[in-house]
mmCIF file of all heavy atoms, coordinates in Angstrom:
data_MODEL
# 
_entry.id   MODEL 
# 
loop_
_atom_site.group_PDB 
_atom_site.id 
_atom_site.type_symbol 
_atom_site.label_atom_id 
_atom_site.label_alt_id 
_atom_site.label_comp_id 
_atom_site.label_asym_id 
_atom_site.label_entity_id 
_atom_site.label_seq_id 
_atom_site.pdbx_PDB_ins_code 
_atom_site.Cartn_x 
_atom_site.Cartn_y 
_atom_site.Cartn_z 
_atom_site.occupancy 
_atom_site.B_iso_or_equiv 
_atom_site.pdbx_formal_charge 
_atom_site.auth_seq_id 
_atom_site.auth_comp_id 
_atom_site.auth_asym_id 
_atom_site.auth_atom_id 
_atom_site.pdbx_PDB_model_num 
ATOM 1   N N   . ALA A 1 1  ? -18.782 -15.283 45.450  1.00 0.00 ? 1  ALA A N   1 
ATOM 2   C CA  . ALA A 1 1  ? -18.791 -15.229 43.992  1.00 0.00 ? 1  ALA A CA  1 
ATOM 3   C C   . ALA A 1 1  ? -17.424 -15.598 43.444  1.00 0.00 ? 1  ALA A C   1 
ATOM 4   O O   . ALA A 1 1  ? -16.397 -15.194 43.967  1.00 0.00 ? 1  ALA A O   1 
ATOM 5   C CB  . ALA A 1 1  ? -19.185 -13.825 43.529  1.00 0.00 ? 1  ALA A CB  1 
ATOM 6   N N   . VAL A 1 2  ? -17.436 -16.358 42.394  1.00 0.00 ? 2  VAL A N   1 
ATOM 7   C CA  . VAL A 1 2  ? -16.197 -16.787 41.756  1.00 0.00 ? 2  VAL A CA  1 
ATOM 8   C C   . VAL A 1 2  ? -16.044 -16.024 40.453  1.00 0.00 ? 2  VAL A C   1 
ATOM 9   O O   . VAL A 1 2  ? -16.950 -16.023 39.610  1.00 0.00 ? 2  VAL A O   1 
ATOM 10  C CB  . VAL A 1 2  ? -16.214 -18.306 41.487  1.00 0.00 ? 2  VAL A CB  1 
ATOM 11  C CG1 . VAL A 1 2  ? -14.926 -18.743 40.806  1.00 0.00 ? 2  VAL A CG1 1 
ATOM 12  C CG2 . VAL A 1 2  ? -16.424 -19.056 42.789  1.00 0.00 ? 2  VAL A CG2 1 
ATOM 13  N N   . SER A 1 3  ? -14.933 -15.292 40.306  1.00 0.00 ? 3  SER A N   1 
ATOM 14  C CA  . SER A 1 3  ? -14.701 -14.522 39.093  1.00 0.00 ? 3  SER A CA  1 
ATOM 15  C C   . SER A 1 3  ? -14.039 -15.415 38.056  1.00 0.00 ? 3  SER A C   1 
ATOM 16  O O   . SER A 1 3  ? -12.980 -15.987 38.296  1.00 0.00 ? 3  SER A O   1 
ATOM 17  C CB  . SER A 1 3  ? -13.803 -13.311 39.389  1.00 0.00 ? 3  SER A CB  1 
ATOM 18  O OG  . SER A 1 3  ? -12.580 -13.735 39.936  1.00 0.00 ? 3  SER A OG  1 
ATOM 19  N N   . LEU A 1 4  ? -14.694 -15.539 36.930  1.00 0.00 ? 4  LEU A N   1 
ATOM 20  C CA  . LEU A 1 4  ? -14.162 -16.357 35.857  1.00 0.00 ? 4  LEU A CA  1 
ATOM 21  C C   . LEU A 1 4  ? -13.507 -15.468 34.815  1.00 0.00 ? 4  LEU A C   1 
ATOM 22  O O   . LEU A 1 4  ? -14.020 -14.392 34.500  1.00 0.00 ? 4  LEU A O   1 
ATOM 23  C CB  . LEU A 1 4  ? -15.295 -17.167 35.203  1.00 0.00 ? 4  LEU A CB  1 
ATOM 24  C CG  . LEU A 1 4  ? -16.022 -18.140 36.131  1.00 0.00 ? 4  LEU A CG  1 
ATOM 25  C CD1 . LEU A 1 4  ? -17.177 -18.804 35.389  1.00 0.00 ? 4  LEU A CD1 1 
ATOM 26  C CD2 . LEU A 1 4  ? -15.054 -19.192 36.656  1.00 0.00 ? 4  LEU A CD2 1 
ATOM 27  N N   . PRO A 1 5  ? -12.382 -15.849 34.270  1.00 0.00 ? 5  PRO A N   1 
ATOM 28  C CA  . PRO A 1 5  ? -11.743 -15.026 33.234  1.00 0.00 ? 5  PRO A CA  1 
ATOM 29  C C   . PRO A 1 5  ? -12.600 -14.954 31.985  1.00 0.00 ? 5  PRO A C   1 
ATOM 30  O O   . PRO A 1 5  ? -13.169 -15.951 31.540  1.00 0.00 ? 5  PRO A O   1 
ATOM 31  C CB  . PRO A 1 5  ? -10.414 -15.753 32.982  1.00 0.00 ? 5  PRO A CB  1 
ATOM 32  C CG  . PRO A 1 5  ? -10.683 -17.176 33.415  1.00 0.00 ? 5  PRO A CG  1 
ATOM 33  C CD  . PRO A 1 5  ? -11.659 -17.082 34.556  1.00 0.00 ? 5  PRO A CD  1 
ATOM 34  N N   . LEU A 1 6  ? -12.726 -13.740 31.450  1.00 0.00 ? 6  LEU A N   1 
ATOM 35  C CA  . LEU A 1 6  ? -13.510 -13.565 30.242  1.00 0.00 ? 6  LEU A CA  1 
ATOM 36  C C   . LEU A 1 6  ? -12.714 -14.045 29.034  1.00 0.00 ? 6  LEU A C   1 
ATOM 37  O O   . LEU A 1 6  ? -11.497 -13.882 28.972  1.00 0.00 ? 6  LEU A O   1 
ATOM 38  C CB  . LEU A 1 6  ? -13.876 -12.081 30.064  1.00 0.00 ? 6  LEU A CB  1 
ATOM 39  C CG  . LEU A 1 6  ? -14.766 -11.500 31.161  1.00 0.00 ? 6  LEU A CG  1 
ATOM 40  C CD1 . LEU A 1 6  ? -14.994 -10.006 30.905  1.00 0.00 ? 6  LEU A CD1 1 
ATOM 41  C CD2 . LEU A 1 6  ? -16.097 -12.217 31.219  1.00 0.00 ? 6  LEU A CD2 1 
ATOM 42  N N   . PRO A 1 7  ? -13.399 -14.623 28.086  1.00 0.00 ? 7  PRO A N   1 
ATOM 43  C CA  . PRO A 1 7  ? -12.668 -15.066 26.892  1.00 0.00 ? 7  PRO A CA  1 
ATOM 44  C C   . PRO A 1 7  ? -12.138 -13.877 26.111  1.00 0.00 ? 7  PRO A C   1 
ATOM 45  O O   . PRO A 1 7  ? -12.768 -12.820 26.040  1.00 0.00 ? 7  PRO A O   1 
ATOM 46  C CB  . PRO A 1 7  ? -13.744 -15.828 26.088  1.00 0.00 ? 7  PRO A CB  1 
ATOM 47  C CG  . PRO A 1 7  ? -15.038 -15.266 26.577  1.00 0.00 ? 7  PRO A CG  1 
ATOM 48  C CD  . PRO A 1 7  ? -14.825 -14.916 28.023  1.00 0.00 ? 7  PRO A CD  1 
ATOM 49  N N   . ARG A 1 8  ? -10.975 -14.031 25.556  1.00 0.00 ? 8  ARG A N   1 
ATOM 50  C CA  . ARG A 1 8  ? -10.381 -12.963 24.755  1.00 0.00 ? 8  ARG A CA  1 
ATOM 51  C C   . ARG A 1 8  ? -11.152 -12.785 23.457  1.00 0.00 ? 8  ARG A C   1 
ATOM 52  O O   . ARG A 1 8  ? -11.506 -13.744 22.777  1.00 0.00 ? 8  ARG A O   1 
ATOM 53  C CB  . ARG A 1 8  ? -8.913  -13.282 24.444  1.00 0.00 ? 8  ARG A CB  1 
ATOM 54  C CG  . ARG A 1 8  ? -8.012  -13.336 25.663  1.00 0.00 ? 8  ARG A CG  1 
ATOM 55  C CD  . ARG A 1 8  ? -6.581  -13.599 25.279  1.00 0.00 ? 8  ARG A CD  1 
ATOM 56  N NE  . ARG A 1 8  ? -6.082  -12.563 24.378  1.00 0.00 ? 8  ARG A NE  1 
ATOM 57  C CZ  . ARG A 1 8  ? -4.865  -12.573 23.839  1.00 0.00 ? 8  ARG A CZ  1 
ATOM 58  N NH1 . ARG A 1 8  ? -4.049  -13.577 24.087  1.00 0.00 ? 8  ARG A NH1 1 
ATOM 59  N NH2 . ARG A 1 8  ? -4.489  -11.595 23.050  1.00 0.00 ? 8  ARG A NH2 1 
ATOM 60  N N   . THR A 1 9  ? -11.453 -11.540 23.154  1.00 0.00 ? 9  THR A N   1 
ATOM 61  C CA  . THR A 1 9  ? -12.195 -11.232 21.946  1.00 0.00 ? 9  THR A CA  1 
ATOM 62  C C   . THR A 1 9  ? -11.225 -10.719 20.890  1.00 0.00 ? 9  THR A C   1 
ATOM 63  O O   . THR A 1 9  ? -10.509 -9.738  21.104  1.00 0.00 ? 9  THR A O   1 
ATOM 64  C CB  . THR A 1 9  ? -13.277 -10.175 22.214  1.00 0.00 ? 9  THR A CB  1 
ATOM 65  O OG1 . THR A 1 9  ? -12.656 -9.005  22.771  1.00 0.00 ? 9  THR A OG1 1 
ATOM 66  C CG2 . THR A 1 9  ? -14.313 -10.711 23.195  1.00 0.00 ? 9  THR A CG2 1 
ATOM 67  N N   . GLU A 1 10 ? -11.191 -11.378 19.799  1.00 0.00 ? 10 GLU A N   1 
ATOM 68  C CA  . GLU A 1 10 ? -10.337 -10.944 18.705  1.00 0.00 ? 10 GLU A CA  1 
ATOM 69  C C   . GLU A 1 10 ? -11.001 -9.783  17.969  1.00 0.00 ? 10 GLU A C   1 
ATOM 70  O O   . GLU A 1 10 ? -12.221 -9.732  17.837  1.00 0.00 ? 10 GLU A O   1 
ATOM 71  C CB  . GLU A 1 10 ? -10.101 -12.102 17.733  1.00 0.00 ? 10 GLU A CB  1 
ATOM 72  C CG  . GLU A 1 10 ? -9.380  -13.292 18.351  1.00 0.00 ? 10 GLU A CG  1 
ATOM 73  C CD  . GLU A 1 10 ? -7.954  -12.945 18.747  1.00 0.00 ? 10 GLU A CD  1 
ATOM 74  O OE1 . GLU A 1 10 ? -7.395  -12.012 18.133  1.00 0.00 ? 10 GLU A OE1 1 
ATOM 75  O OE2 . GLU A 1 10 ? -7.422  -13.587 19.661  1.00 0.00 ? 10 GLU A OE2 1 
ATOM 76  N N   . PRO A 1 11 ? -10.198 -8.817  17.497  1.00 0.00 ? 11 PRO A N   1 
ATOM 77  C CA  . PRO A 1 11 ? -10.801 -7.710  16.749  1.00 0.00 ? 11 PRO A CA  1 
ATOM 78  C C   . PRO A 1 11 ? -11.471 -8.205  15.482  1.00 0.00 ? 11 PRO A C   1 
ATOM 79  O O   . PRO A 1 11 ? -11.030 -9.160  14.846  1.00 0.00 ? 11 PRO A O   1 
ATOM 80  C CB  . PRO A 1 11 ? -9.589  -6.815  16.433  1.00 0.00 ? 11 PRO A CB  1 
ATOM 81  C CG  . PRO A 1 11 ? -8.402  -7.716  16.551  1.00 0.00 ? 11 PRO A CG  1 
ATOM 82  C CD  . PRO A 1 11 ? -8.740  -8.708  17.607  1.00 0.00 ? 11 PRO A CD  1 
ATOM 83  N N   . ALA A 1 12 ? -12.562 -7.547  15.147  1.00 0.00 ? 12 ALA A N   1 
ATOM 84  C CA  . ALA A 1 12 ? -13.299 -7.943  13.952  1.00 0.00 ? 12 ALA A CA  1 
ATOM 85  C C   . ALA A 1 12 ? -12.419 -7.735  12.722  1.00 0.00 ? 12 ALA A C   1 
ATOM 86  O O   . ALA A 1 12 ? -11.749 -6.701  12.588  1.00 0.00 ? 12 ALA A O   1 
ATOM 87  C CB  . ALA A 1 12 ? -14.578 -7.123  13.832  1.00 0.00 ? 12 ALA A CB  1 
ATOM 88  N N   . PRO A 1 13 ? -12.382 -8.708  11.819  1.00 0.00 ? 13 PRO A N   1 
ATOM 89  C CA  . PRO A 1 13 ? -11.544 -8.550  10.627  1.00 0.00 ? 13 PRO A CA  1 
ATOM 90  C C   . PRO A 1 13 ? -12.036 -7.395  9.759   1.00 0.00 ? 13 PRO A C   1 
ATOM 91  O O   . PRO A 1 13 ? -13.229 -7.195  9.559   1.00 0.00 ? 13 PRO A O   1 
ATOM 92  C CB  . PRO A 1 13 ? -11.684 -9.901  9.911   1.00 0.00 ? 13 PRO A CB  1 
ATOM 93  C CG  . PRO A 1 13 ? -12.977 -10.476 10.423  1.00 0.00 ? 13 PRO A CG  1 
ATOM 94  C CD  . PRO A 1 13 ? -13.114 -9.982  11.829  1.00 0.00 ? 13 PRO A CD  1 
ATOM 95  N N   . ARG A 1 14 ? -11.088 -6.621  9.267   1.00 0.00 ? 14 ARG A N   1 
ATOM 96  C CA  . ARG A 1 14 ? -11.453 -5.498  8.399   1.00 0.00 ? 14 ARG A CA  1 
ATOM 97  C C   . ARG A 1 14 ? -11.613 -5.986  6.967   1.00 0.00 ? 14 ARG A C   1 
ATOM 98  O O   . ARG A 1 14 ? -10.906 -6.910  6.535   1.00 0.00 ? 14 ARG A O   1 
ATOM 99  C CB  . ARG A 1 14 ? -10.374 -4.409  8.457   1.00 0.00 ? 14 ARG A CB  1 
ATOM 100 C CG  . ARG A 1 14 ? -10.253 -3.721  9.793   1.00 0.00 ? 14 ARG A CG  1 
ATOM 101 C CD  . ARG A 1 14 ? -9.306  -2.529  9.701   1.00 0.00 ? 14 ARG A CD  1 
ATOM 102 N NE  . ARG A 1 14 ? -7.951  -2.919  9.344   1.00 0.00 ? 14 ARG A NE  1 
ATOM 103 C CZ  . ARG A 1 14 ? -6.986  -3.174  10.218  1.00 0.00 ? 14 ARG A CZ  1 
ATOM 104 N NH1 . ARG A 1 14 ? -7.253  -3.118  11.513  1.00 0.00 ? 14 ARG A NH1 1 
ATOM 105 N NH2 . ARG A 1 14 ? -5.773  -3.511  9.803   1.00 0.00 ? 14 ARG A NH2 1 
ATOM 106 N N   . PRO A 1 15 ? -12.503 -5.379  6.244   1.00 0.00 ? 15 PRO A N   1 
ATOM 107 C CA  . PRO A 1 15 ? -12.602 -5.729  4.811   1.00 0.00 ? 15 PRO A CA  1 
ATOM 108 C C   . PRO A 1 15 ? -11.361 -5.268  4.070   1.00 0.00 ? 15 PRO A C   1 
ATOM 109 O O   . PRO A 1 15 ? -10.568 -4.469  4.580   1.00 0.00 ? 15 PRO A O   1 
ATOM 110 C CB  . PRO A 1 15 ? -13.861 -4.972  4.351   1.00 0.00 ? 15 PRO A CB  1 
ATOM 111 C CG  . PRO A 1 15 ? -13.978 -3.832  5.313   1.00 0.00 ? 15 PRO A CG  1 
ATOM 112 C CD  . PRO A 1 15 ? -13.471 -4.343  6.632   1.00 0.00 ? 15 PRO A CD  1 
ATOM 113 N N   . ALA A 1 16 ? -11.188 -5.770  2.870   1.00 0.00 ? 16 ALA A N   1 
ATOM 114 C CA  . ALA A 1 16 ? -10.016 -5.387  2.081   1.00 0.00 ? 16 ALA A CA  1 
ATOM 115 C C   . ALA A 1 16 ? -10.059 -3.887  1.771   1.00 0.00 ? 16 ALA A C   1 
ATOM 116 O O   . ALA A 1 16 ? -11.123 -3.308  1.534   1.00 0.00 ? 16 ALA A O   1 
ATOM 117 C CB  . ALA A 1 16 ? -9.976  -6.201  0.792   1.00 0.00 ? 16 ALA A CB  1 
ATOM 118 N N   . PHE A 1 17 ? -8.889  -3.267  1.812   1.00 0.00 ? 17 PHE A N   1 
ATOM 119 C CA  . PHE A 1 17 ? -8.815  -1.840  1.534   1.00 0.00 ? 17 PHE A CA  1 
ATOM 120 C C   . PHE A 1 17 ? -9.065  -1.588  0.049   1.00 0.00 ? 17 PHE A C   1 
ATOM 121 O O   . PHE A 1 17 ? -8.545  -2.294  -0.814  1.00 0.00 ? 17 PHE A O   1 
ATOM 122 C CB  . PHE A 1 17 ? -7.431  -1.313  1.925   1.00 0.00 ? 17 PHE A CB  1 
ATOM 123 C CG  . PHE A 1 17 ? -7.207  0.130   1.575   1.00 0.00 ? 17 PHE A CG  1 
ATOM 124 C CD1 . PHE A 1 17 ? -7.934  1.122   2.203   1.00 0.00 ? 17 PHE A CD1 1 
ATOM 125 C CD2 . PHE A 1 17 ? -6.275  0.482   0.605   1.00 0.00 ? 17 PHE A CD2 1 
ATOM 126 C CE1 . PHE A 1 17 ? -7.738  2.456   1.876   1.00 0.00 ? 17 PHE A CE1 1 
ATOM 127 C CE2 . PHE A 1 17 ? -6.067  1.809   0.286   1.00 0.00 ? 17 PHE A CE2 1 
ATOM 128 C CZ  . PHE A 1 17 ? -6.799  2.793   0.921   1.00 0.00 ? 17 PHE A CZ  1 
ATOM 129 N N   . GLN A 1 18 ? -9.866  -0.569  -0.213  1.00 0.00 ? 18 GLN A N   1 
ATOM 130 C CA  . GLN A 1 18 ? -10.182 -0.179  -1.591  1.00 0.00 ? 18 GLN A CA  1 
ATOM 131 C C   . GLN A 1 18 ? -9.356  1.055   -1.959  1.00 0.00 ? 18 GLN A C   1 
ATOM 132 O O   . GLN A 1 18 ? -9.671  2.161   -1.533  1.00 0.00 ? 18 GLN A O   1 
ATOM 133 C CB  . GLN A 1 18 ? -11.685 0.118   -1.724  1.00 0.00 ? 18 GLN A CB  1 
ATOM 134 C CG  . GLN A 1 18 ? -12.596 -1.031  -1.357  1.00 0.00 ? 18 GLN A CG  1 
ATOM 135 C CD  . GLN A 1 18 ? -12.414 -2.221  -2.279  1.00 0.00 ? 18 GLN A CD  1 
ATOM 136 O OE1 . GLN A 1 18 ? -12.177 -2.058  -3.491  1.00 0.00 ? 18 GLN A OE1 1 
ATOM 137 N NE2 . GLN A 1 18 ? -12.503 -3.426  -1.727  1.00 0.00 ? 18 GLN A NE2 1 
ATOM 138 N N   . PRO A 1 19 ? -8.288  0.881   -2.730  1.00 0.00 ? 19 PRO A N   1 
ATOM 139 C CA  . PRO A 1 19 ? -7.396  2.004   -3.013  1.00 0.00 ? 19 PRO A CA  1 
ATOM 140 C C   . PRO A 1 19 ? -7.960  2.955   -4.062  1.00 0.00 ? 19 PRO A C   1 
ATOM 141 O O   . PRO A 1 19 ? -8.931  2.644   -4.762  1.00 0.00 ? 19 PRO A O   1 
ATOM 142 C CB  . PRO A 1 19 ? -6.131  1.318   -3.517  1.00 0.00 ? 19 PRO A CB  1 
ATOM 143 C CG  . PRO A 1 19 ? -6.622  0.054   -4.140  1.00 0.00 ? 19 PRO A CG  1 
ATOM 144 C CD  . PRO A 1 19 ? -7.815  -0.370  -3.345  1.00 0.00 ? 19 PRO A CD  1 
ATOM 145 N N   . VAL A 1 20 ? -7.325  4.095   -4.137  1.00 0.00 ? 20 VAL A N   1 
ATOM 146 C CA  . VAL A 1 20 ? -7.643  5.110   -5.147  1.00 0.00 ? 20 VAL A CA  1 
ATOM 147 C C   . VAL A 1 20 ? -6.365  5.376   -5.939  1.00 0.00 ? 20 VAL A C   1 
ATOM 148 O O   . VAL A 1 20 ? -5.324  5.688   -5.352  1.00 0.00 ? 20 VAL A O   1 
ATOM 149 C CB  . VAL A 1 20 ? -8.152  6.412   -4.490  1.00 0.00 ? 20 VAL A CB  1 
ATOM 150 C CG1 . VAL A 1 20 ? -8.366  7.495   -5.536  1.00 0.00 ? 20 VAL A CG1 1 
ATOM 151 C CG2 . VAL A 1 20 ? -9.433  6.169   -3.720  1.00 0.00 ? 20 VAL A CG2 1 
ATOM 152 N N   . THR A 1 21 ? -6.439  5.244   -7.226  1.00 0.00 ? 21 THR A N   1 
ATOM 153 C CA  . THR A 1 21 ? -5.259  5.456   -8.050  1.00 0.00 ? 21 THR A CA  1 
ATOM 154 C C   . THR A 1 21 ? -4.746  6.881   -7.884  1.00 0.00 ? 21 THR A C   1 
ATOM 155 O O   . THR A 1 21 ? -5.521  7.835   -7.923  1.00 0.00 ? 21 THR A O   1 
ATOM 156 C CB  . THR A 1 21 ? -5.600  5.198   -9.530  1.00 0.00 ? 21 THR A CB  1 
ATOM 157 O OG1 . THR A 1 21 ? -6.125  3.870   -9.663  1.00 0.00 ? 21 THR A OG1 1 
ATOM 158 C CG2 . THR A 1 21 ? -4.366  5.348   -10.395 1.00 0.00 ? 21 THR A CG2 1 
ATOM 159 N N   . ILE A 1 22 ? -3.448  6.993   -7.697  1.00 0.00 ? 22 ILE A N   1 
ATOM 160 C CA  . ILE A 1 22 ? -2.846  8.297   -7.439  1.00 0.00 ? 22 ILE A CA  1 
ATOM 161 C C   . ILE A 1 22 ? -2.341  8.891   -8.758  1.00 0.00 ? 22 ILE A C   1 
ATOM 162 O O   . ILE A 1 22 ? -1.447  8.315   -9.407  1.00 0.00 ? 22 ILE A O   1 
ATOM 163 C CB  . ILE A 1 22 ? -1.693  8.179   -6.419  1.00 0.00 ? 22 ILE A CB  1 
ATOM 164 C CG1 . ILE A 1 22 ? -2.242  7.703   -5.073  1.00 0.00 ? 22 ILE A CG1 1 
ATOM 165 C CG2 . ILE A 1 22 ? -0.985  9.521   -6.244  1.00 0.00 ? 22 ILE A CG2 1 
ATOM 166 C CD1 . ILE A 1 22 ? -1.176  7.470   -4.014  1.00 0.00 ? 22 ILE A CD1 1 
ATOM 167 N N   . ARG A 1 23 ? -2.927  10.007  -9.120  1.00 0.00 ? 23 ARG A N   1 
ATOM 168 C CA  . ARG A 1 23 ? -2.483  10.744  -10.304 1.00 0.00 ? 23 ARG A CA  1 
ATOM 169 C C   . ARG A 1 23 ? -2.050  12.155  -9.942  1.00 0.00 ? 23 ARG A C   1 
ATOM 170 O O   . ARG A 1 23 ? -1.228  12.747  -10.641 1.00 0.00 ? 23 ARG A O   1 
ATOM 171 C CB  . ARG A 1 23 ? -3.610  10.808  -11.352 1.00 0.00 ? 23 ARG A CB  1 
ATOM 172 C CG  . ARG A 1 23 ? -4.037  9.453   -11.896 1.00 0.00 ? 23 ARG A CG  1 
ATOM 173 C CD  . ARG A 1 23 ? -5.046  9.609   -13.010 1.00 0.00 ? 23 ARG A CD  1 
ATOM 174 N NE  . ARG A 1 23 ? -5.469  8.327   -13.555 1.00 0.00 ? 23 ARG A NE  1 
ATOM 175 C CZ  . ARG A 1 23 ? -6.488  7.611   -13.106 1.00 0.00 ? 23 ARG A CZ  1 
ATOM 176 N NH1 . ARG A 1 23 ? -7.190  8.045   -12.054 1.00 0.00 ? 23 ARG A NH1 1 
ATOM 177 N NH2 . ARG A 1 23 ? -6.806  6.462   -13.669 1.00 0.00 ? 23 ARG A NH2 1 
ATOM 178 N N   . THR A 1 24 ? -2.621  12.677  -8.849  1.00 0.00 ? 24 THR A N   1 
ATOM 179 C CA  . THR A 1 24 ? -2.312  14.039  -8.418  1.00 0.00 ? 24 THR A CA  1 
ATOM 180 C C   . THR A 1 24 ? -2.010  14.042  -6.930  1.00 0.00 ? 24 THR A C   1 
ATOM 181 O O   . THR A 1 24 ? -2.182  13.024  -6.238  1.00 0.00 ? 24 THR A O   1 
ATOM 182 C CB  . THR A 1 24 ? -3.487  14.986  -8.701  1.00 0.00 ? 24 THR A CB  1 
ATOM 183 O OG1 . THR A 1 24 ? -4.620  14.567  -7.909  1.00 0.00 ? 24 THR A OG1 1 
ATOM 184 C CG2 . THR A 1 24 ? -3.889  14.967  -10.180 1.00 0.00 ? 24 THR A CG2 1 
ATOM 185 N N   . ALA A 1 25 ? -1.574  15.203  -6.442  1.00 0.00 ? 25 ALA A N   1 
ATOM 186 C CA  . ALA A 1 25 ? -1.309  15.350  -5.007  1.00 0.00 ? 25 ALA A CA  1 
ATOM 187 C C   . ALA A 1 25 ? -2.593  15.168  -4.200  1.00 0.00 ? 25 ALA A C   1 
ATOM 188 O O   . ALA A 1 25 ? -2.571  14.590  -3.103  1.00 0.00 ? 25 ALA A O   1 
ATOM 189 C CB  . ALA A 1 25 ? -0.693  16.716  -4.743  1.00 0.00 ? 25 ALA A CB  1 
ATOM 190 N N   . ARG A 1 26 ? -3.695  15.622  -4.776  1.00 0.00 ? 26 ARG A N   1 
ATOM 191 C CA  . ARG A 1 26 ? -4.969  15.448  -4.064  1.00 0.00 ? 26 ARG A CA  1 
ATOM 192 C C   . ARG A 1 26 ? -5.321  13.974  -3.946  1.00 0.00 ? 26 ARG A C   1 
ATOM 193 O O   . ARG A 1 26 ? -5.874  13.533  -2.929  1.00 0.00 ? 26 ARG A O   1 
ATOM 194 C CB  . ARG A 1 26 ? -6.076  16.216  -4.783  1.00 0.00 ? 26 ARG A CB  1 
ATOM 195 C CG  . ARG A 1 26 ? -7.441  16.059  -4.155  1.00 0.00 ? 26 ARG A CG  1 
ATOM 196 C CD  . ARG A 1 26 ? -8.474  16.924  -4.826  1.00 0.00 ? 26 ARG A CD  1 
ATOM 197 N NE  . ARG A 1 26 ? -8.217  18.347  -4.616  1.00 0.00 ? 26 ARG A NE  1 
ATOM 198 C CZ  . ARG A 1 26 ? -8.989  19.312  -5.109  1.00 0.00 ? 26 ARG A CZ  1 
ATOM 199 N NH1 . ARG A 1 26 ? -10.066 19.005  -5.831  1.00 0.00 ? 26 ARG A NH1 1 
ATOM 200 N NH2 . ARG A 1 26 ? -8.702  20.577  -4.885  1.00 0.00 ? 26 ARG A NH2 1 
# 
């Protein structure tokens, strides 16, 4: 058996972060 190198898998792109406006400590 001949072992072939597996193709590199790039991480799935993350969607854009949806921020929350900061008005309080919470």
